[in-house]
Amino acid sequence: MSQNLFKWKHYESEIILLCVRWVHEYSPIIDEKIRNHLKETNDSWRVDETYIKVKRK
């Protein structure tokens, strides 16, 4: 089943599943350690517009 679920992905299914387990296990610990170092934000945020040229246009 996992072969079909991750078909056409860059990594093998075993690697993807291992990474998901790692994130699930360690993300609460990492969050706890860095929480005091993060700046407080509100629920609103903006992104500046960015312009790129495509074929000189």
Protein backbone atom coordinates (compact mmCIF):
# COMPACT_ATOMS: atom_id res chain seq x y z
CA MET A 1 0.00 0.00 0.00
CA SER A 2 2.75 2.50 0.88
CA GLN A 3 4.32 1.93 -2.52
CA ASN A 4 1.20 3.30 -4.25
CA LEU A 5 0.77 6.08 -1.72
CA PHE A 6 4.23 7.49 -2.44
CA LYS A 7 4.42 6.67 -6.12
CA TRP A 8 6.39 9.24 -8.14
CA LYS A 9 7.88 10.83 -5.03
CA HIS A 10 11.53 11.74 -4.84
CA TYR A 11 12.33 9.39 -1.94
CA GLU A 12 11.50 5.78 -1.19
CA SER A 13 8.44 5.17 0.95
CA GLU A 14 10.51 3.80 3.85
CA ILE A 15 12.47 7.05 4.06
CA ILE A 16 9.31 9.17 3.99
CA LEU A 17 7.68 7.10 6.73
CA LEU A 18 10.78 7.22 8.87
CA CYS A 19 10.90 11.02 8.59
CA VAL A 20 7.23 11.32 9.51
CA ARG A 21 7.84 9.21 12.63
CA TRP A 22 10.83 11.39 13.50
CA VAL A 23 8.82 14.59 13.19
CA HIS A 24 5.97 13.14 15.18
CA GLU A 25 8.29 12.13 18.01
CA TYR A 26 10.69 15.08 18.19
CA SER A 27 8.72 18.13 17.10
CA PRO A 28 7.12 18.67 20.55
CA ILE A 29 10.57 18.60 22.15
CA ILE A 30 12.01 21.03 19.61
CA ASP A 31 8.98 23.30 20.00
CA GLU A 32 9.43 23.35 23.77
CA LYS A 33 13.12 24.26 23.47
CA ILE A 34 12.71 27.10 20.96
CA ARG A 35 9.40 28.60 22.11
CA ASN A 36 11.07 31.15 24.42
CA HIS A 37 13.36 32.36 21.63
CA LEU A 38 10.64 33.11 19.10
CA LYS A 39 9.13 36.54 18.66
CA GLU A 40 5.47 36.87 19.45
CA THR A 41 3.20 37.38 16.47
CA ASN A 42 -0.46 38.03 15.98
CA ASP A 43 -2.76 36.08 13.69
CA SER A 44 -2.30 38.54 10.84
CA TRP A 45 0.66 38.67 8.50
CA ARG A 46 1.43 40.04 5.06
CA VAL A 47 3.72 39.11 2.24
CA ASP A 48 5.23 41.77 0.01
CA GLU A 49 4.61 41.47 -3.66
CA THR A 50 7.45 40.08 -5.72
CA TYR A 51 7.89 40.59 -9.41
CA ILE A 52 9.95 38.36 -11.64
CA LYS A 53 10.77 38.60 -15.29
CA VAL A 54 9.80 35.77 -17.56
CA LYS A 55 11.21 35.94 -21.04
CA ARG A 56 12.05 39.64 -20.48
CA LYS A 57 8.47 40.58 -19.68
